Amino acid sequence: MENNEISANHGTRGKTYGEKAVGITFNPGGYSNPADDIKNQYAAIIDRLNEERDRTADGEQKRLLSVAITEAQTAQMWAVKGITWGI
């Protein structure tokens, strides 16, 4: 999917929590790159974790899921950096 398609799709429906968390439309170079797929995959993972966090009333489970979301964001950033290295 081209980056301008990604931007257009998110403009019509709004972004999910995961899409916001990974900066799904952030692309300072303005071109499509292999990181788009990685960002979409991490956004889906973060959305799933956020849904679980919203469902539980257990404070410790919420904390664990919050940590997992933070770590997924960190992993996504490093993955994008690795994939786009030298582009």
N, C-alpha and C. Protein backbone atom coordinates (compact mmCIF):
# COMPACT_ATOMS: atom_id res chain seq x y z
N MET A 1 0.84 -1.17 0.00
CA MET A 1 0.00 0.00 0.00
C MET A 1 0.89 1.23 0.00
N GLU A 2 0.60 2.17 -0.85
CA GLU A 2 1.36 3.40 -0.92
C GLU A 2 1.08 4.25 0.31
N ASN A 3 2.06 5.05 0.74
CA ASN A 3 1.89 5.87 1.93
C ASN A 3 0.73 6.85 1.78
N ASN A 4 0.53 7.42 0.56
CA ASN A 4 -0.58 8.34 0.39
C ASN A 4 -1.92 7.62 0.52
N GLU A 5 -1.97 6.31 0.19
CA GLU A 5 -3.17 5.52 0.40
C GLU A 5 -3.41 5.32 1.89
N ILE A 6 -2.34 5.08 2.63
CA ILE A 6 -2.46 4.90 4.07
C ILE A 6 -3.03 6.18 4.67
N SER A 7 -2.49 7.32 4.30
CA SER A 7 -2.97 8.59 4.83
C SER A 7 -4.42 8.82 4.47
N ALA A 8 -4.81 8.51 3.23
CA ALA A 8 -6.19 8.71 2.80
C ALA A 8 -7.14 7.81 3.58
N ASN A 9 -6.78 6.55 3.78
CA ASN A 9 -7.64 5.63 4.52
C ASN A 9 -7.86 6.08 5.95
N HIS A 10 -6.82 6.56 6.61
CA HIS A 10 -6.94 6.96 8.00
C HIS A 10 -7.68 8.28 8.13
N GLY A 11 -7.64 9.09 7.10
CA GLY A 11 -8.35 10.36 7.12
C GLY A 11 -9.86 10.19 7.10
N THR A 12 -10.36 9.11 6.49
CA THR A 12 -11.80 8.91 6.39
C THR A 12 -12.40 8.21 7.60
N ARG A 13 -11.62 7.38 8.31
CA ARG A 13 -12.20 6.63 9.41
C ARG A 13 -11.59 6.98 10.76
N GLY A 14 -10.57 7.77 10.79
CA GLY A 14 -9.88 8.04 12.05
C GLY A 14 -8.92 6.90 12.37
N LYS A 15 -7.95 7.19 13.19
CA LYS A 15 -6.93 6.20 13.52
C LYS A 15 -7.31 5.41 14.77
N THR A 16 -6.91 4.15 14.80
CA THR A 16 -7.08 3.35 16.00
C THR A 16 -6.01 3.76 17.01
N TYR A 17 -6.15 3.27 18.23
CA TYR A 17 -5.16 3.54 19.27
C TYR A 17 -3.77 3.08 18.80
N GLY A 18 -3.71 1.87 18.25
CA GLY A 18 -2.43 1.32 17.79
C GLY A 18 -1.82 2.13 16.66
N GLU A 19 -2.65 2.59 15.74
CA GLU A 19 -2.15 3.40 14.62
C GLU A 19 -1.57 4.72 15.13
N LYS A 20 -2.24 5.30 16.12
CA LYS A 20 -1.70 6.52 16.72
C LYS A 20 -0.39 6.22 17.45
N ALA A 21 -0.37 5.09 18.16
CA ALA A 21 0.81 4.74 18.96
C ALA A 21 2.06 4.53 18.13
N VAL A 22 1.91 4.04 16.90
CA VAL A 22 3.08 3.81 16.04
C VAL A 22 3.33 4.95 15.06
N GLY A 23 2.47 5.95 15.06
CA GLY A 23 2.63 7.05 14.10
C GLY A 23 2.46 6.55 12.67
N ILE A 24 1.35 5.89 12.43
CA ILE A 24 1.13 5.17 11.17
C ILE A 24 1.31 6.04 9.93
N THR A 25 0.95 7.30 10.00
CA THR A 25 1.06 8.16 8.81
C THR A 25 2.32 9.02 8.82
N PHE A 26 3.15 8.88 9.86
CA PHE A 26 4.39 9.67 9.93
C PHE A 26 5.40 9.12 8.94
N ASN A 27 5.74 9.93 7.98
CA ASN A 27 6.71 9.54 6.95
C ASN A 27 7.35 10.82 6.42
N PRO A 28 8.38 11.32 7.10
CA PRO A 28 8.96 12.59 6.70
C PRO A 28 9.54 12.59 5.30
N GLY A 29 9.92 11.41 4.78
CA GLY A 29 10.45 11.33 3.42
C GLY A 29 9.36 11.42 2.36
N GLY A 30 8.12 11.12 2.75
CA GLY A 30 7.00 11.24 1.83
C GLY A 30 6.92 10.15 0.78
N TYR A 31 7.56 9.03 0.99
CA TYR A 31 7.52 7.94 0.02
C TYR A 31 7.15 6.64 0.71
N SER A 32 6.65 5.72 -0.08
CA SER A 32 6.31 4.40 0.47
C SER A 32 7.60 3.65 0.75
N ASN A 33 7.62 2.90 1.84
CA ASN A 33 8.80 2.14 2.16
C ASN A 33 8.40 0.84 2.86
N PRO A 34 9.35 -0.05 3.04
CA PRO A 34 9.03 -1.34 3.65
C PRO A 34 8.57 -1.25 5.09
N ALA A 35 8.72 -0.10 5.72
CA ALA A 35 8.30 0.05 7.11
C ALA A 35 6.79 0.12 7.27
N ASP A 36 6.08 0.44 6.20
CA ASP A 36 4.63 0.54 6.28
C ASP A 36 4.00 -0.74 6.81
N ASP A 37 4.42 -1.88 6.29
CA ASP A 37 3.87 -3.16 6.71
C ASP A 37 4.18 -3.44 8.18
N ILE A 38 5.41 -3.15 8.59
CA ILE A 38 5.81 -3.35 10.00
C ILE A 38 4.95 -2.48 10.91
N LYS A 39 4.76 -1.22 10.55
CA LYS A 39 3.93 -0.34 11.37
C LYS A 39 2.51 -0.87 11.49
N ASN A 40 1.95 -1.35 10.39
CA ASN A 40 0.59 -1.90 10.42
C ASN A 40 0.51 -3.13 11.32
N GLN A 41 1.51 -3.99 11.28
CA GLN A 41 1.50 -5.18 12.12
C GLN A 41 1.61 -4.82 13.60
N TYR A 42 2.49 -3.90 13.93
CA TYR A 42 2.62 -3.47 15.33
C TYR A 42 1.37 -2.74 15.79
N ALA A 43 0.75 -1.95 14.93
CA ALA A 43 -0.50 -1.26 15.29
C ALA A 43 -1.57 -2.28 15.66
N ALA A 44 -1.66 -3.38 14.91
CA ALA A 44 -2.64 -4.43 15.20
C ALA A 44 -2.35 -5.08 16.56
N ILE A 45 -1.10 -5.34 16.83
CA ILE A 45 -0.72 -5.93 18.13
C ILE A 45 -1.08 -4.98 19.27
N ILE A 46 -0.74 -3.72 19.12
CA ILE A 46 -1.03 -2.73 20.16
C ILE A 46 -2.54 -2.58 20.35
N ASP A 47 -3.29 -2.59 19.25
CA ASP A 47 -4.75 -2.52 19.37
C ASP A 47 -5.29 -3.70 20.18
N ARG A 48 -4.78 -4.89 19.93
CA ARG A 48 -5.23 -6.09 20.66
C ARG A 48 -4.91 -5.96 22.15
N LEU A 49 -3.70 -5.53 22.47
CA LEU A 49 -3.31 -5.35 23.86
C LEU A 49 -4.17 -4.28 24.54
N ASN A 50 -4.46 -3.21 23.82
CA ASN A 50 -5.29 -2.14 24.37
C ASN A 50 -6.71 -2.63 24.64
N GLU A 51 -7.24 -3.45 23.75
CA GLU A 51 -8.58 -4.02 23.95
C GLU A 51 -8.61 -4.87 25.23
N GLU A 52 -7.58 -5.68 25.42
CA GLU A 52 -7.49 -6.50 26.63
C GLU A 52 -7.39 -5.61 27.87
N ARG A 53 -6.61 -4.57 27.78
CA ARG A 53 -6.43 -3.64 28.91
C ARG A 53 -7.76 -2.96 29.26
N ASP A 54 -8.53 -2.59 28.23
CA ASP A 54 -9.83 -1.96 28.47
C ASP A 54 -10.84 -2.92 29.09
N ARG A 55 -10.70 -4.22 28.79
CA ARG A 55 -11.65 -5.22 29.27
C ARG A 55 -11.48 -5.60 30.73
N THR A 56 -10.29 -5.45 31.25
CA THR A 56 -10.02 -5.93 32.61
C THR A 56 -10.17 -4.83 33.65
N ALA A 57 -10.57 -5.25 34.82
CA ALA A 57 -10.63 -4.33 35.96
C ALA A 57 -9.43 -4.54 36.90
N ASP A 58 -8.65 -5.57 36.61
CA ASP A 58 -7.51 -5.93 37.45
C ASP A 58 -6.36 -4.95 37.21
N GLY A 59 -5.96 -4.25 38.24
CA GLY A 59 -4.91 -3.24 38.12
C GLY A 59 -3.58 -3.79 37.66
N GLU A 60 -3.20 -4.96 38.17
CA GLU A 60 -1.92 -5.55 37.77
C GLU A 60 -1.95 -5.97 36.31
N GLN A 61 -3.07 -6.52 35.86
CA GLN A 61 -3.17 -6.91 34.45
C GLN A 61 -3.10 -5.67 33.56
N LYS A 62 -3.76 -4.58 33.97
CA LYS A 62 -3.68 -3.33 33.21
C LYS A 62 -2.22 -2.85 33.12
N ARG A 63 -1.51 -2.93 34.24
CA ARG A 63 -0.11 -2.50 34.26
C ARG A 63 0.73 -3.34 33.31
N LEU A 64 0.56 -4.65 33.38
CA LEU A 64 1.32 -5.55 32.51
C LEU A 64 1.04 -5.27 31.03
N LEU A 65 -0.23 -5.04 30.70
CA LEU A 65 -0.58 -4.75 29.32
C LEU A 65 -0.03 -3.40 28.88
N SER A 66 0.00 -2.43 29.80
CA SER A 66 0.59 -1.13 29.48
C SER A 66 2.08 -1.26 29.20
N VAL A 67 2.76 -2.06 29.99
CA VAL A 67 4.18 -2.32 29.75
C VAL A 67 4.36 -2.98 28.38
N ALA A 68 3.52 -3.95 28.07
CA ALA A 68 3.62 -4.64 26.78
C ALA A 68 3.40 -3.66 25.62
N ILE A 69 2.46 -2.74 25.77
CA ILE A 69 2.22 -1.73 24.73
C ILE A 69 3.45 -0.84 24.55
N THR A 70 4.02 -0.40 25.66
CA THR A 70 5.22 0.43 25.59
C THR A 70 6.37 -0.31 24.91
N GLU A 71 6.55 -1.56 25.28
CA GLU A 71 7.63 -2.36 24.69
C GLU A 71 7.38 -2.61 23.19
N ALA A 72 6.12 -2.79 22.81
CA ALA A 72 5.79 -2.98 21.38
C ALA A 72 6.10 -1.70 20.60
N GLN A 73 5.81 -0.54 21.19
CA GLN A 73 6.14 0.72 20.54
C GLN A 73 7.66 0.84 20.36
N THR A 74 8.40 0.48 21.37
CA THR A 74 9.86 0.53 21.29
C THR A 74 10.37 -0.41 20.21
N ALA A 75 9.88 -1.64 20.19
CA ALA A 75 10.31 -2.62 19.19
C ALA A 75 9.96 -2.13 17.79
N GLN A 76 8.78 -1.54 17.63
CA GLN A 76 8.38 -1.02 16.32
C GLN A 76 9.33 0.07 15.85
N MET A 77 9.70 0.96 16.74
CA MET A 77 10.61 2.04 16.34
C MET A 77 11.97 1.50 15.90
N TRP A 78 12.49 0.51 16.64
CA TRP A 78 13.77 -0.07 16.26
C TRP A 78 13.64 -0.86 14.95
N ALA A 79 12.52 -1.54 14.76
CA ALA A 79 12.31 -2.30 13.52
C ALA A 79 12.28 -1.36 12.32
N VAL A 80 11.57 -0.25 12.45
CA VAL A 80 11.51 0.73 11.35
C VAL A 80 12.89 1.31 11.08
N LYS A 81 13.60 1.62 12.13
CA LYS A 81 14.96 2.17 11.96
C LYS A 81 15.84 1.15 11.21
N GLY A 82 15.74 -0.12 11.58
CA GLY A 82 16.53 -1.14 10.90
C GLY A 82 16.13 -1.35 9.46
N ILE A 83 14.84 -1.34 9.20
CA ILE A 83 14.35 -1.56 7.83
C ILE A 83 14.68 -0.39 6.92
N THR A 84 14.64 0.81 7.46
CA THR A 84 14.86 1.99 6.62
C THR A 84 16.30 2.47 6.64
N TRP A 85 17.18 1.75 7.31
CA TRP A 85 18.58 2.14 7.38
C TRP A 85 19.14 2.30 5.97
N GLY A 86 19.67 3.47 5.69
CA GLY A 86 20.29 3.71 4.40
C GLY A 86 19.34 4.15 3.30
N ILE A 87 18.05 4.21 3.59
CA ILE A 87 17.09 4.68 2.54
C ILE A 87 17.16 6.17 2.45
